[in-house]
Amino acid sequence: SEKLEKKPTYDINIAHNMMHNLEKEVVKIRLFLDVSAVIDEKTINQGGNNEVDFFFKIKDLKDHYQINNEKPLFSGVFVCTLLGISYSTLRGMVFTLWKDTFLSSIILPVIAVPDLLKSKK
C-alpha cells in the first residue's frame, strides 16, 4: 500500500440505535462508526462507515422497562450499561482489526456513555 505524504487528521463520529424483542428478551445495540481522514482540508477515502450489532439476551428483561404509550421505556442506567459494554467491545474490535493497517494509529476515544446515549441515529 502506498504511503501518504502527510499524516491525516481523523474525524470520528459514533452514533447508536437500539432495538428489542420483549418476548425473546433480546436487545440489539447497533453502533455506527464513521471515520473520515482529512489532509489539507480535503477528505480522503480512509476509515469509512461501519455498523456493528451487539445482541444481549437479558434474563428478566421486564425488570428494565415500563410500558409508556404502548411502547417500552427502558431505564437510563440499563441502556447506558449496554451502550458502555458495546462501545468498549467495539474499541477492542477496531483496535485488533486495524492493527496492521494504515489506520493503526487510530484508537477510538474513551467517551462518556451519556454522550453516546445522546447520539441516536
N, C-alpha and C. Protein backbone atom coordinates (compact mmCIF):
# COMPACT_ATOMS: atom_id res chain seq x y z
N SER A 1 0.85 -1.20 0.00
CA SER A 1 0.00 0.00 0.00
C SER A 1 0.88 1.24 0.00
N GLU A 2 0.43 2.27 -0.70
CA GLU A 2 1.26 3.46 -0.81
C GLU A 2 1.19 4.28 0.47
N LYS A 3 2.29 4.94 0.77
CA LYS A 3 2.40 5.74 1.99
C LYS A 3 1.86 7.15 1.70
N LEU A 4 1.15 7.70 2.64
CA LEU A 4 0.66 9.06 2.47
C LEU A 4 1.79 10.04 2.76
N GLU A 5 1.84 11.14 2.01
CA GLU A 5 2.90 12.12 2.21
C GLU A 5 2.74 12.85 3.54
N LYS A 6 1.50 13.07 3.93
CA LYS A 6 1.21 13.76 5.18
C LYS A 6 0.33 12.87 6.04
N LYS A 7 0.47 13.05 7.33
CA LYS A 7 -0.38 12.28 8.24
C LYS A 7 -1.76 12.96 8.30
N PRO A 8 -2.81 12.20 8.01
CA PRO A 8 -4.14 12.82 8.06
C PRO A 8 -4.61 13.04 9.49
N THR A 9 -5.56 13.94 9.64
CA THR A 9 -6.28 14.01 10.91
C THR A 9 -7.57 13.24 10.70
N TYR A 10 -8.03 12.61 11.75
CA TYR A 10 -9.21 11.76 11.62
C TYR A 10 -10.38 12.36 12.36
N ASP A 11 -11.51 12.33 11.70
CA ASP A 11 -12.75 12.78 12.29
C ASP A 11 -13.56 11.53 12.59
N ILE A 12 -13.91 11.33 13.85
CA ILE A 12 -14.60 10.11 14.26
C ILE A 12 -15.98 10.48 14.81
N ASN A 13 -17.01 9.87 14.24
CA ASN A 13 -18.37 10.08 14.74
C ASN A 13 -18.97 8.73 15.12
N ILE A 14 -19.61 8.72 16.27
CA ILE A 14 -20.23 7.49 16.75
C ILE A 14 -21.69 7.77 17.08
N ALA A 15 -22.56 6.88 16.64
CA ALA A 15 -23.98 7.00 16.97
C ALA A 15 -24.50 5.60 17.25
N HIS A 16 -25.71 5.52 17.75
CA HIS A 16 -26.27 4.21 18.06
C HIS A 16 -27.77 4.18 17.77
N ASN A 17 -28.28 2.98 17.66
CA ASN A 17 -29.71 2.78 17.84
C ASN A 17 -29.94 1.49 18.59
N MET A 18 -31.12 1.36 19.14
CA MET A 18 -31.43 0.22 20.00
C MET A 18 -32.74 -0.39 19.53
N MET A 19 -32.76 -1.71 19.43
CA MET A 19 -33.99 -2.44 19.09
C MET A 19 -34.18 -3.53 20.14
N HIS A 20 -35.38 -4.09 20.14
CA HIS A 20 -35.64 -5.10 21.16
C HIS A 20 -36.71 -6.07 20.70
N ASN A 21 -36.67 -7.24 21.30
CA ASN A 21 -37.74 -8.22 21.17
C ASN A 21 -38.09 -8.60 22.60
N LEU A 22 -39.19 -8.04 23.09
CA LEU A 22 -39.55 -8.22 24.50
C LEU A 22 -39.86 -9.67 24.83
N GLU A 23 -40.53 -10.37 23.89
CA GLU A 23 -40.91 -11.76 24.15
C GLU A 23 -39.68 -12.65 24.28
N LYS A 24 -38.69 -12.44 23.42
CA LYS A 24 -37.48 -13.26 23.45
C LYS A 24 -36.42 -12.71 24.41
N GLU A 25 -36.74 -11.58 25.05
CA GLU A 25 -35.82 -10.93 26.00
C GLU A 25 -34.47 -10.63 25.35
N VAL A 26 -34.51 -10.06 24.16
CA VAL A 26 -33.29 -9.73 23.43
C VAL A 26 -33.26 -8.23 23.14
N VAL A 27 -32.10 -7.65 23.34
CA VAL A 27 -31.88 -6.24 22.99
C VAL A 27 -30.73 -6.20 22.01
N LYS A 28 -30.90 -5.38 20.96
CA LYS A 28 -29.82 -5.20 19.99
C LYS A 28 -29.39 -3.74 20.03
N ILE A 29 -28.09 -3.55 20.19
CA ILE A 29 -27.50 -2.22 20.10
C ILE A 29 -26.72 -2.19 18.79
N ARG A 30 -27.02 -1.24 17.92
CA ARG A 30 -26.23 -1.06 16.70
C ARG A 30 -25.40 0.20 16.88
N LEU A 31 -24.10 0.06 16.71
CA LEU A 31 -23.22 1.22 16.77
C LEU A 31 -22.78 1.58 15.35
N PHE A 32 -22.84 2.85 15.06
CA PHE A 32 -22.40 3.39 13.78
C PHE A 32 -21.08 4.10 14.03
N LEU A 33 -20.05 3.69 13.32
CA LEU A 33 -18.73 4.29 13.47
C LEU A 33 -18.33 4.87 12.12
N ASP A 34 -18.30 6.18 12.03
CA ASP A 34 -17.93 6.86 10.79
C ASP A 34 -16.58 7.52 11.00
N VAL A 35 -15.62 7.12 10.19
CA VAL A 35 -14.26 7.65 10.30
C VAL A 35 -13.89 8.27 8.96
N SER A 36 -13.50 9.53 8.98
CA SER A 36 -13.00 10.14 7.75
C SER A 36 -11.64 10.75 8.03
N ALA A 37 -10.78 10.67 7.03
CA ALA A 37 -9.44 11.23 7.14
C ALA A 37 -9.39 12.52 6.34
N VAL A 38 -8.69 13.51 6.89
CA VAL A 38 -8.60 14.81 6.23
C VAL A 38 -7.13 15.20 6.11
N ILE A 39 -6.72 15.55 4.88
CA ILE A 39 -5.38 16.09 4.64
C ILE A 39 -5.57 17.40 3.87
N ASP A 40 -4.97 18.47 4.38
CA ASP A 40 -5.08 19.78 3.73
C ASP A 40 -6.54 20.14 3.43
N GLU A 41 -7.41 19.93 4.41
CA GLU A 41 -8.84 20.24 4.31
C GLU A 41 -9.57 19.44 3.23
N LYS A 42 -8.94 18.39 2.73
CA LYS A 42 -9.59 17.50 1.76
C LYS A 42 -9.83 16.15 2.42
N THR A 43 -11.04 15.64 2.30
CA THR A 43 -11.35 14.34 2.86
C THR A 43 -10.82 13.27 1.91
N ILE A 44 -10.10 12.31 2.47
CA ILE A 44 -9.62 11.20 1.66
C ILE A 44 -10.33 9.93 2.09
N ASN A 45 -10.35 8.95 1.23
CA ASN A 45 -11.12 7.73 1.48
C ASN A 45 -10.38 6.79 2.42
N GLN A 46 -10.51 7.03 3.71
CA GLN A 46 -9.92 6.15 4.71
C GLN A 46 -10.90 6.02 5.86
N GLY A 47 -11.00 4.83 6.41
CA GLY A 47 -11.85 4.65 7.59
C GLY A 47 -13.22 4.14 7.24
N GLY A 48 -14.01 4.98 6.58
CA GLY A 48 -15.32 4.54 6.12
C GLY A 48 -16.39 4.56 7.17
N ASN A 49 -17.55 4.03 6.77
CA ASN A 49 -18.72 3.96 7.64
C ASN A 49 -18.92 2.50 8.03
N ASN A 50 -18.99 2.27 9.32
CA ASN A 50 -19.12 0.90 9.83
C ASN A 50 -20.35 0.81 10.71
N GLU A 51 -20.99 -0.35 10.66
CA GLU A 51 -22.12 -0.63 11.56
C GLU A 51 -21.84 -1.97 12.21
N VAL A 52 -21.95 -2.00 13.54
CA VAL A 52 -21.71 -3.24 14.26
C VAL A 52 -22.89 -3.47 15.21
N ASP A 53 -23.44 -4.68 15.16
CA ASP A 53 -24.57 -5.04 16.02
C ASP A 53 -24.10 -5.86 17.22
N PHE A 54 -24.65 -5.53 18.37
CA PHE A 54 -24.39 -6.27 19.60
C PHE A 54 -25.72 -6.78 20.12
N PHE A 55 -25.81 -8.08 20.36
CA PHE A 55 -27.05 -8.68 20.84
C PHE A 55 -26.88 -9.09 22.29
N PHE A 56 -27.89 -8.78 23.09
CA PHE A 56 -27.89 -9.13 24.50
C PHE A 56 -29.14 -9.91 24.82
N LYS A 57 -28.97 -11.08 25.40
CA LYS A 57 -30.09 -11.87 25.91
C LYS A 57 -30.19 -11.52 27.39
N ILE A 58 -31.28 -10.89 27.79
CA ILE A 58 -31.41 -10.37 29.15
C ILE A 58 -32.47 -11.16 29.91
N LYS A 59 -32.01 -11.89 30.91
CA LYS A 59 -32.95 -12.60 31.77
C LYS A 59 -33.72 -11.55 32.57
N ASP A 60 -35.02 -11.71 32.69
CA ASP A 60 -35.86 -10.74 33.40
C ASP A 60 -35.79 -9.35 32.77
N LEU A 61 -35.83 -9.29 31.44
CA LEU A 61 -35.81 -8.01 30.74
C LEU A 61 -36.94 -7.10 31.23
N LYS A 62 -38.05 -7.70 31.61
CA LYS A 62 -39.23 -6.92 32.04
C LYS A 62 -38.93 -6.03 33.25
N ASP A 63 -37.86 -6.34 33.98
CA ASP A 63 -37.50 -5.51 35.14
C ASP A 63 -36.82 -4.20 34.72
N HIS A 64 -36.53 -4.04 33.43
CA HIS A 64 -35.73 -2.90 32.99
C HIS A 64 -36.50 -1.89 32.15
N TYR A 65 -37.82 -2.05 32.04
CA TYR A 65 -38.60 -1.07 31.30
C TYR A 65 -39.99 -0.95 31.89
N GLN A 66 -40.65 0.14 31.52
CA GLN A 66 -42.06 0.35 31.82
C GLN A 66 -42.75 0.62 30.49
N ILE A 67 -44.01 0.22 30.40
CA ILE A 67 -44.76 0.50 29.18
C ILE A 67 -45.31 1.92 29.26
N ASN A 68 -45.04 2.69 28.20
CA ASN A 68 -45.47 4.07 28.15
C ASN A 68 -46.02 4.30 26.74
N ASN A 69 -47.30 4.67 26.63
CA ASN A 69 -47.96 4.80 25.31
C ASN A 69 -47.78 3.53 24.48
N GLU A 70 -47.95 2.40 25.11
CA GLU A 70 -47.86 1.07 24.46
C GLU A 70 -46.46 0.74 23.95
N LYS A 71 -45.46 1.52 24.37
CA LYS A 71 -44.07 1.23 23.98
C LYS A 71 -43.24 1.07 25.24
N PRO A 72 -42.22 0.21 25.18
CA PRO A 72 -41.37 0.07 26.37
C PRO A 72 -40.44 1.28 26.51
N LEU A 73 -40.33 1.76 27.71
CA LEU A 73 -39.38 2.83 28.02
C LEU A 73 -38.35 2.21 28.96
N PHE A 74 -37.11 2.04 28.44
CA PHE A 74 -36.07 1.38 29.21
C PHE A 74 -35.42 2.35 30.17
N SER A 75 -34.96 1.83 31.30
CA SER A 75 -34.30 2.69 32.28
C SER A 75 -32.98 3.19 31.70
N GLY A 76 -32.63 4.43 32.02
CA GLY A 76 -31.40 5.04 31.53
C GLY A 76 -30.16 4.26 31.94
N VAL A 77 -30.14 3.79 33.18
CA VAL A 77 -28.99 3.02 33.67
C VAL A 77 -28.82 1.74 32.86
N PHE A 78 -29.93 1.09 32.55
CA PHE A 78 -29.90 -0.15 31.76
C PHE A 78 -29.32 0.11 30.37
N VAL A 79 -29.84 1.13 29.69
CA VAL A 79 -29.37 1.45 28.33
C VAL A 79 -27.90 1.86 28.37
N CYS A 80 -27.53 2.69 29.35
CA CYS A 80 -26.14 3.13 29.46
C CYS A 80 -25.20 1.96 29.70
N THR A 81 -25.63 0.99 30.47
CA THR A 81 -24.80 -0.18 30.73
C THR A 81 -24.56 -0.96 29.44
N LEU A 82 -25.63 -1.20 28.66
CA LEU A 82 -25.47 -1.93 27.40
C LEU A 82 -24.63 -1.14 26.40
N LEU A 83 -24.83 0.19 26.36
CA LEU A 83 -24.02 1.03 25.46
C LEU A 83 -22.55 0.99 25.86
N GLY A 84 -22.28 1.04 27.15
CA GLY A 84 -20.90 1.00 27.62
C GLY A 84 -20.21 -0.31 27.25
N ILE A 85 -20.90 -1.42 27.45
CA ILE A 85 -20.35 -2.73 27.09
C ILE A 85 -20.12 -2.79 25.58
N SER A 86 -21.10 -2.33 24.80
CA SER A 86 -21.00 -2.39 23.35
C SER A 86 -19.83 -1.53 22.85
N TYR A 87 -19.74 -0.31 23.35
CA TYR A 87 -18.71 0.60 22.85
C TYR A 87 -17.31 0.13 23.25
N SER A 88 -17.15 -0.34 24.47
CA SER A 88 -15.81 -0.80 24.86
C SER A 88 -15.42 -2.05 24.07
N THR A 89 -16.39 -2.89 23.74
CA THR A 89 -16.12 -4.05 22.89
C THR A 89 -15.74 -3.59 21.48
N LEU A 90 -16.47 -2.59 20.96
CA LEU A 90 -16.15 -2.04 19.64
C LEU A 90 -14.73 -1.48 19.61
N ARG A 91 -14.33 -0.79 20.67
CA ARG A 91 -12.97 -0.23 20.71
C ARG A 91 -11.93 -1.34 20.57
N GLY A 92 -12.13 -2.44 21.28
CA GLY A 92 -11.19 -3.56 21.19
C GLY A 92 -11.21 -4.21 19.82
N MET A 93 -12.40 -4.36 19.24
CA MET A 93 -12.53 -4.97 17.91
C MET A 93 -11.80 -4.13 16.87
N VAL A 94 -12.01 -2.82 16.91
CA VAL A 94 -11.41 -1.92 15.94
C VAL A 94 -9.90 -1.90 16.10
N PHE A 95 -9.45 -1.87 17.35
CA PHE A 95 -8.01 -1.88 17.61
C PHE A 95 -7.37 -3.11 16.98
N THR A 96 -8.00 -4.26 17.15
CA THR A 96 -7.48 -5.52 16.58
C THR A 96 -7.57 -5.53 15.06
N LEU A 97 -8.73 -5.12 14.53
CA LEU A 97 -8.93 -5.13 13.07
C LEU A 97 -7.97 -4.18 12.35
N TRP A 98 -7.71 -3.03 12.95
CA TRP A 98 -6.91 -2.00 12.28
C TRP A 98 -5.43 -2.10 12.60
N LYS A 99 -5.06 -3.06 13.47
CA LYS A 99 -3.69 -3.14 13.98
C LYS A 99 -2.62 -3.10 12.88
N ASP A 100 -2.79 -3.87 11.82
CA ASP A 100 -1.77 -3.96 10.77
C ASP A 100 -2.16 -3.19 9.51
N THR A 101 -2.96 -2.13 9.67
CA THR A 101 -3.41 -1.34 8.52
C THR A 101 -2.94 0.11 8.69
N PHE A 102 -3.23 0.92 7.70
CA PHE A 102 -2.86 2.33 7.79
C PHE A 102 -3.67 3.06 8.87
N LEU A 103 -4.68 2.41 9.42
CA LEU A 103 -5.48 3.02 10.49
C LEU A 103 -4.96 2.66 11.88
N SER A 104 -3.81 1.99 11.94
CA SER A 104 -3.32 1.50 13.23
C SER A 104 -3.05 2.62 14.24
N SER A 105 -2.86 3.85 13.75
CA SER A 105 -2.60 4.95 14.69
C SER A 105 -3.89 5.46 15.35
N ILE A 106 -5.03 4.99 14.86
CA ILE A 106 -6.30 5.46 15.42
C ILE A 106 -6.73 4.55 16.56
N ILE A 107 -6.94 5.15 17.69
CA ILE A 107 -7.56 4.43 18.81
C ILE A 107 -8.84 5.18 19.11
N LEU A 108 -9.95 4.48 19.12
CA LEU A 108 -11.22 5.16 19.39
C LEU A 108 -11.15 5.81 20.77
N PRO A 109 -11.63 7.03 20.86
CA PRO A 109 -11.55 7.73 22.15
C PRO A 109 -12.45 7.11 23.20
N VAL A 110 -12.07 7.27 24.44
CA VAL A 110 -12.95 6.91 25.54
C VAL A 110 -13.98 8.03 25.59
N ILE A 111 -15.25 7.67 25.60
CA ILE A 111 -16.28 8.70 25.65
C ILE A 111 -17.23 8.41 26.80
N ALA A 112 -17.82 9.45 27.31
CA ALA A 112 -18.79 9.30 28.38
C ALA A 112 -20.06 8.66 27.82
N VAL A 113 -20.53 7.64 28.47
CA VAL A 113 -21.71 6.92 27.97
C VAL A 113 -22.93 7.83 27.82
N PRO A 114 -23.17 8.78 28.73
CA PRO A 114 -24.31 9.68 28.49
C PRO A 114 -24.20 10.44 27.17
N ASP A 115 -22.96 10.77 26.74
CA ASP A 115 -22.79 11.42 25.44
C ASP A 115 -23.17 10.47 24.31
N LEU A 116 -22.79 9.20 24.47
CA LEU A 116 -23.16 8.18 23.48
C LEU A 116 -24.68 7.99 23.44
N LEU A 117 -25.30 8.09 24.61
CA LEU A 117 -26.74 7.94 24.72
C LEU A 117 -27.47 9.00 23.88
N LYS A 118 -26.89 10.20 23.80
CA LYS A 118 -27.50 11.30 23.03
C LYS A 118 -27.31 11.13 21.53
N SER A 119 -26.48 10.17 21.11
CA SER A 119 -26.07 10.05 19.71
C SER A 119 -26.98 9.16 18.89
N LYS A 120 -28.29 9.24 19.12
CA LYS A 120 -29.21 8.33 18.43
C LYS A 120 -29.21 8.55 16.94
N LYS A 121 -29.34 7.45 16.19
CA LYS A 121 -29.36 7.54 14.74
C LYS A 121 -30.64 6.88 14.23
